[in-house]
Amino acid sequence: MNFSRTAIENEIRYRTSRSSGPGGQNVNKTETRVEAIWNIMETNALNTEQKDRLLEKVKTKINSNNEIIIAASEARSQLRNKQIAKDRLIDLLESSLIQNKPRKRTSPSKNAVKKRIESKVQKGELKKMRAWKFKRDH
């Protein structure tokens, strides 16, 4: 996950627009909605391997220009929405660039197998006790 947070923050472009939804006159006259736009291929903060991993992990959030666009319109101020969008973008990058360790296959321990069998037997006994038994009187 080695990348410079400040370098990425300097490469982010911002676009504002009017926020939707309720809010009265403030919504109708101020541009509080903020979109943080960051181009993956033009960045100098990531190496080629990181760019490839990012393109693979967040391919549903990338437009045709290889840009990630994150929008925020929760807050009433443009400055706060700008901060929210920037933080979301950085969090997305950090979580996408984490490399997971490959899983090693292991077999269950003897104790785990024993517990599993015991619980299955116990469930079976419980179900047998619940069964309705028809008795014939001849």
C-alpha atoms as a PDB file:
ATOM      1  CA  MET A   1       0.000   0.000   0.000  1.00  0.00           C
ATOM      2  CA  ASN A   2       2.958   2.287  -0.462  1.00  0.00           C
ATOM      3  CA  PHE A   3       1.615   5.473  -1.983  1.00  0.00           C
ATOM      4  CA  SER A   4       1.812   9.104  -1.083  1.00  0.00           C
ATOM      5  CA  ARG A   5      -1.503  10.352   0.268  1.00  0.00           C
ATOM      6  CA  THR A   6      -0.559  13.990  -0.308  1.00  0.00           C
ATOM      7  CA  ALA A   7       0.472  13.294  -3.908  1.00  0.00           C
ATOM      8  CA  ILE A   8      -2.920  11.762  -4.608  1.00  0.00           C
ATOM      9  CA  GLU A   9      -4.715  14.616  -2.817  1.00  0.00           C
ATOM     10  CA  ASN A  10      -2.876  17.081  -5.088  1.00  0.00           C
ATOM     11  CA  GLU A  11      -4.002  15.175  -8.210  1.00  0.00           C
ATOM     12  CA  ILE A  12      -7.707  15.165  -7.308  1.00  0.00           C
ATOM     13  CA  ARG A  13      -9.930  17.515  -9.325  1.00  0.00           C
ATOM     14  CA  TYR A  14     -13.207  18.732  -7.875  1.00  0.00           C
ATOM     15  CA  ARG A  15     -16.498  19.524  -9.578  1.00  0.00           C
ATOM     16  CA  THR A  16     -19.470  21.111  -7.815  1.00  0.00           C
ATOM     17  CA  SER A  17     -23.167  21.057  -8.583  1.00  0.00           C
ATOM     18  CA  ARG A  18     -26.459  21.706  -6.866  1.00  0.00           C
ATOM     19  CA  SER A  19     -27.432  19.063  -4.368  1.00  0.00           C
ATOM     20  CA  SER A  20     -30.734  17.246  -4.814  1.00  0.00           C
ATOM     21  CA  GLY A  21     -33.435  16.487  -2.283  1.00  0.00           C
ATOM     22  CA  PRO A  22     -35.068  18.544   0.451  1.00  0.00           C
ATOM     23  CA  GLY A  23     -33.454  21.621   1.907  1.00  0.00           C
ATOM     24  CA  GLY A  24     -35.415  24.647   0.793  1.00  0.00           C
ATOM     25  CA  GLN A  25     -33.789  27.694  -0.736  1.00  0.00           C
ATOM     26  CA  ASN A  26     -30.260  26.725   0.352  1.00  0.00           C
ATOM     27  CA  VAL A  27     -30.344  23.694  -1.957  1.00  0.00           C
ATOM     28  CA  ASN A  28     -31.810  25.701  -4.811  1.00  0.00           C
ATOM     29  CA  LYS A  29     -29.174  28.414  -4.836  1.00  0.00           C
ATOM     30  CA  THR A  30     -25.868  26.896  -3.609  1.00  0.00           C
ATOM     31  CA  GLU A  31     -23.649  24.285  -5.192  1.00  0.00           C
ATOM     32  CA  THR A  32     -22.901  22.078  -2.205  1.00  0.00           C
ATOM     33  CA  ARG A  33     -22.612  18.696  -3.964  1.00  0.00           C
ATOM     34  CA  VAL A  34     -18.952  17.854  -4.655  1.00  0.00           C
ATOM     35  CA  GLU A  35     -17.451  15.238  -6.964  1.00  0.00           C
ATOM     36  CA  ALA A  36     -13.840  14.175  -6.438  1.00  0.00           C
ATOM     37  CA  ILE A  37     -12.323  13.077  -9.761  1.00  0.00           C
ATOM     38  CA  TRP A  38      -9.019  11.198  -9.926  1.00  0.00           C
ATOM     39  CA  ASN A  39      -7.420   9.639 -13.014  1.00  0.00           C
ATOM     40  CA  ILE A  40      -5.687   6.300 -12.388  1.00  0.00           C
ATOM     41  CA  MET A  41      -3.510   6.225 -15.497  1.00  0.00           C
ATOM     42  CA  GLU A  42      -2.187   9.801 -15.175  1.00  0.00           C
ATOM     43  CA  THR A  43      -1.092   9.521 -11.540  1.00  0.00           C
ATOM     44  CA  ASN A  44       2.543   9.542 -10.500  1.00  0.00           C
ATOM     45  CA  ALA A  45       1.756   8.354  -6.967  1.00  0.00           C
ATOM     46  CA  LEU A  46       1.324   4.693  -7.978  1.00  0.00           C
ATOM     47  CA  ASN A  47       3.540   2.247  -9.814  1.00  0.00           C
ATOM     48  CA  THR A  48       2.341   0.093 -12.719  1.00  0.00           C
ATOM     49  CA  GLU A  49       1.579  -2.936 -10.553  1.00  0.00           C
ATOM     50  CA  GLN A  50      -0.553  -0.842  -8.176  1.00  0.00           C
ATOM     51  CA  LYS A  51      -2.407   0.742 -11.099  1.00  0.00           C
ATOM     52  CA  ASP A  52      -3.189  -2.705 -12.554  1.00  0.00           C
ATOM     53  CA  ARG A  53      -4.436  -3.990  -9.183  1.00  0.00           C
ATOM     54  CA  LEU A  54      -6.566  -0.890  -8.750  1.00  0.00           C
ATOM     55  CA  LEU A  55      -8.047  -1.183 -12.242  1.00  0.00           C
ATOM     56  CA  GLU A  56      -9.009  -4.785 -11.478  1.00  0.00           C
ATOM     57  CA  LYS A  57     -10.440  -4.202  -7.991  1.00  0.00           C
ATOM     58  CA  VAL A  58     -12.526  -1.071  -8.666  1.00  0.00           C
ATOM     59  CA  LYS A  59     -13.441  -1.610 -12.307  1.00  0.00           C
ATOM     60  CA  THR A  60     -17.137  -0.943 -11.582  1.00  0.00           C
ATOM     61  CA  LYS A  61     -16.326   2.557 -10.247  1.00  0.00           C
ATOM     62  CA  ILE A  62     -14.143   3.615 -13.202  1.00  0.00           C
ATOM     63  CA  ASN A  63     -15.498   5.524 -16.190  1.00  0.00           C
ATOM     64  CA  SER A  64     -14.262   5.275 -19.785  1.00  0.00           C
ATOM     65  CA  ASN A  65     -11.508   7.876 -19.134  1.00  0.00           C
ATOM     66  CA  ASN A  66     -10.003   5.707 -16.339  1.00  0.00           C
ATOM     67  CA  GLU A  67     -11.308   8.149 -13.732  1.00  0.00           C
ATOM     68  CA  ILE A  68     -12.767   7.363 -10.348  1.00  0.00           C
ATOM     69  CA  ILE A  69     -15.541   9.787  -9.433  1.00  0.00           C
ATOM     70  CA  ILE A  70     -16.740   9.929  -5.825  1.00  0.00           C
ATOM     71  CA  ALA A  71     -19.660  12.231  -4.980  1.00  0.00           C
ATOM     72  CA  ALA A  72     -20.696  13.655  -1.620  1.00  0.00           C
ATOM     73  CA  SER A  73     -23.766  15.723  -0.826  1.00  0.00           C
ATOM     74  CA  GLU A  74     -24.554  14.844   2.801  1.00  0.00           C
ATOM     75  CA  ALA A  75     -23.297  18.018   4.439  1.00  0.00           C
ATOM     76  CA  ARG A  76     -24.744  21.491   3.954  1.00  0.00           C
ATOM     77  CA  SER A  77     -21.382  23.065   3.179  1.00  0.00           C
ATOM     78  CA  GLN A  78     -19.310  22.587   0.057  1.00  0.00           C
ATOM     79  CA  LEU A  79     -16.095  22.471   2.074  1.00  0.00           C
ATOM     80  CA  ARG A  80     -17.320  19.591   4.250  1.00  0.00           C
ATOM     81  CA  ASN A  81     -18.579  17.652   1.211  1.00  0.00           C
ATOM     82  CA  LYS A  82     -15.190  18.166  -0.434  1.00  0.00           C
ATOM     83  CA  GLN A  83     -13.488  16.642   2.610  1.00  0.00           C
ATOM     84  CA  ILE A  84     -15.947  13.711   2.685  1.00  0.00           C
ATOM     85  CA  ALA A  85     -15.413  12.947  -1.027  1.00  0.00           C
ATOM     86  CA  LYS A  86     -11.622  13.142  -0.665  1.00  0.00           C
ATOM     87  CA  ASP A  87     -11.640  10.842   2.370  1.00  0.00           C
ATOM     88  CA  ARG A  88     -13.875   8.331   0.585  1.00  0.00           C
ATOM     89  CA  LEU A  89     -11.556   8.275  -2.420  1.00  0.00           C
ATOM     90  CA  ILE A  90      -8.444   7.755  -0.275  1.00  0.00           C
ATOM     91  CA  ASP A  91     -10.204   5.011   1.753  1.00  0.00           C
ATOM     92  CA  LEU A  92     -11.211   3.280  -1.484  1.00  0.00           C
ATOM     93  CA  LEU A  93      -7.626   3.365  -2.740  1.00  0.00           C
ATOM     94  CA  GLU A  94      -6.202   2.111   0.556  1.00  0.00           C
ATOM     95  CA  SER A  95      -8.645  -0.788   0.809  1.00  0.00           C
ATOM     96  CA  SER A  96      -8.167  -1.750  -2.852  1.00  0.00           C
ATOM     97  CA  LEU A  97      -4.378  -1.798  -2.712  1.00  0.00           C
ATOM     98  CA  ILE A  98      -4.166  -4.146   0.288  1.00  0.00           C
ATOM     99  CA  GLN A  99      -2.706  -7.427  -0.868  1.00  0.00           C
ATOM    100  CA  ASN A 100      -4.400 -10.425   0.731  1.00  0.00           C
ATOM    101  CA  LYS A 101      -2.287 -13.368   1.809  1.00  0.00           C
ATOM    102  CA  PRO A 102      -3.080 -16.585  -0.061  1.00  0.00           C
ATOM    103  CA  ARG A 103      -5.046 -19.058   2.034  1.00  0.00           C
ATOM    104  CA  LYS A 104      -3.276 -22.248   3.021  1.00  0.00           C
ATOM    105  CA  ARG A 105      -5.470 -25.329   2.972  1.00  0.00           C
ATOM    106  CA  THR A 106      -5.556 -27.167   6.257  1.00  0.00           C
ATOM    107  CA  SER A 107      -7.437 -30.202   7.495  1.00  0.00           C
ATOM    108  CA  PRO A 108      -9.666 -30.015  10.573  1.00  0.00           C
ATOM    109  CA  SER A 109      -8.174 -31.165  13.872  1.00  0.00           C
ATOM    110  CA  LYS A 110      -9.279 -34.444  15.479  1.00  0.00           C
ATOM    111  CA  ASN A 111     -11.018 -32.514  18.227  1.00  0.00           C
ATOM    112  CA  ALA A 112     -12.964 -30.414  15.695  1.00  0.00           C
ATOM    113  CA  VAL A 113     -14.082 -33.556  13.833  1.00  0.00           C
ATOM    114  CA  LYS A 114     -15.123 -35.175  17.133  1.00  0.00           C
ATOM    115  CA  LYS A 115     -17.162 -32.103  18.164  1.00  0.00           C
ATOM    116  CA  ARG A 116     -18.859 -31.989  14.756  1.00  0.00           C
ATOM    117  CA  ILE A 117     -19.860 -35.664  14.923  1.00  0.00           C
ATOM    118  CA  GLU A 118     -21.115 -35.287  18.512  1.00  0.00           C
ATOM    119  CA  SER A 119     -23.274 -32.298  17.570  1.00  0.00           C
ATOM    120  CA  LYS A 120     -24.704 -34.208  14.591  1.00  0.00           C
ATOM    121  CA  VAL A 121     -25.559 -37.182  16.802  1.00  0.00           C
ATOM    122  CA  GLN A 122     -27.169 -34.873  19.362  1.00  0.00           C
ATOM    123  CA  LYS A 123     -29.284 -33.174  16.652  1.00  0.00           C
ATOM    124  CA  GLY A 124     -30.346 -36.589  15.357  1.00  0.00           C
ATOM    125  CA  GLU A 125     -31.399 -37.716  18.833  1.00  0.00           C
ATOM    126  CA  LEU A 126     -33.393 -34.522  19.308  1.00  0.00           C
ATOM    127  CA  LYS A 127     -35.195 -35.065  16.002  1.00  0.00           C
ATOM    128  CA  LYS A 128     -35.979 -38.681  16.908  1.00  0.00           C
ATOM    129  CA  MET A 129     -37.562 -37.535  20.164  1.00  0.00           C
ATOM    130  CA  ARG A 130     -39.740 -35.044  18.272  1.00  0.00           C
ATOM    131  CA  ALA A 131     -41.055 -37.716  15.910  1.00  0.00           C
ATOM    132  CA  TRP A 132     -44.689 -38.644  16.274  1.00  0.00           C
ATOM    133  CA  LYS A 133     -45.120 -42.365  16.843  1.00  0.00           C
ATOM    134  CA  PHE A 134     -48.309 -44.170  15.848  1.00  0.00           C
ATOM    135  CA  LYS A 135     -49.155 -47.135  18.104  1.00  0.00           C
ATOM    136  CA  ARG A 136     -51.538 -49.849  16.996  1.00  0.00           C
ATOM    137  CA  ASP A 137     -53.647 -51.666  19.494  1.00  0.00           C
ATOM    138  CA  HIS A 138     -54.672 -55.067  18.120  1.00  0.00           C
END
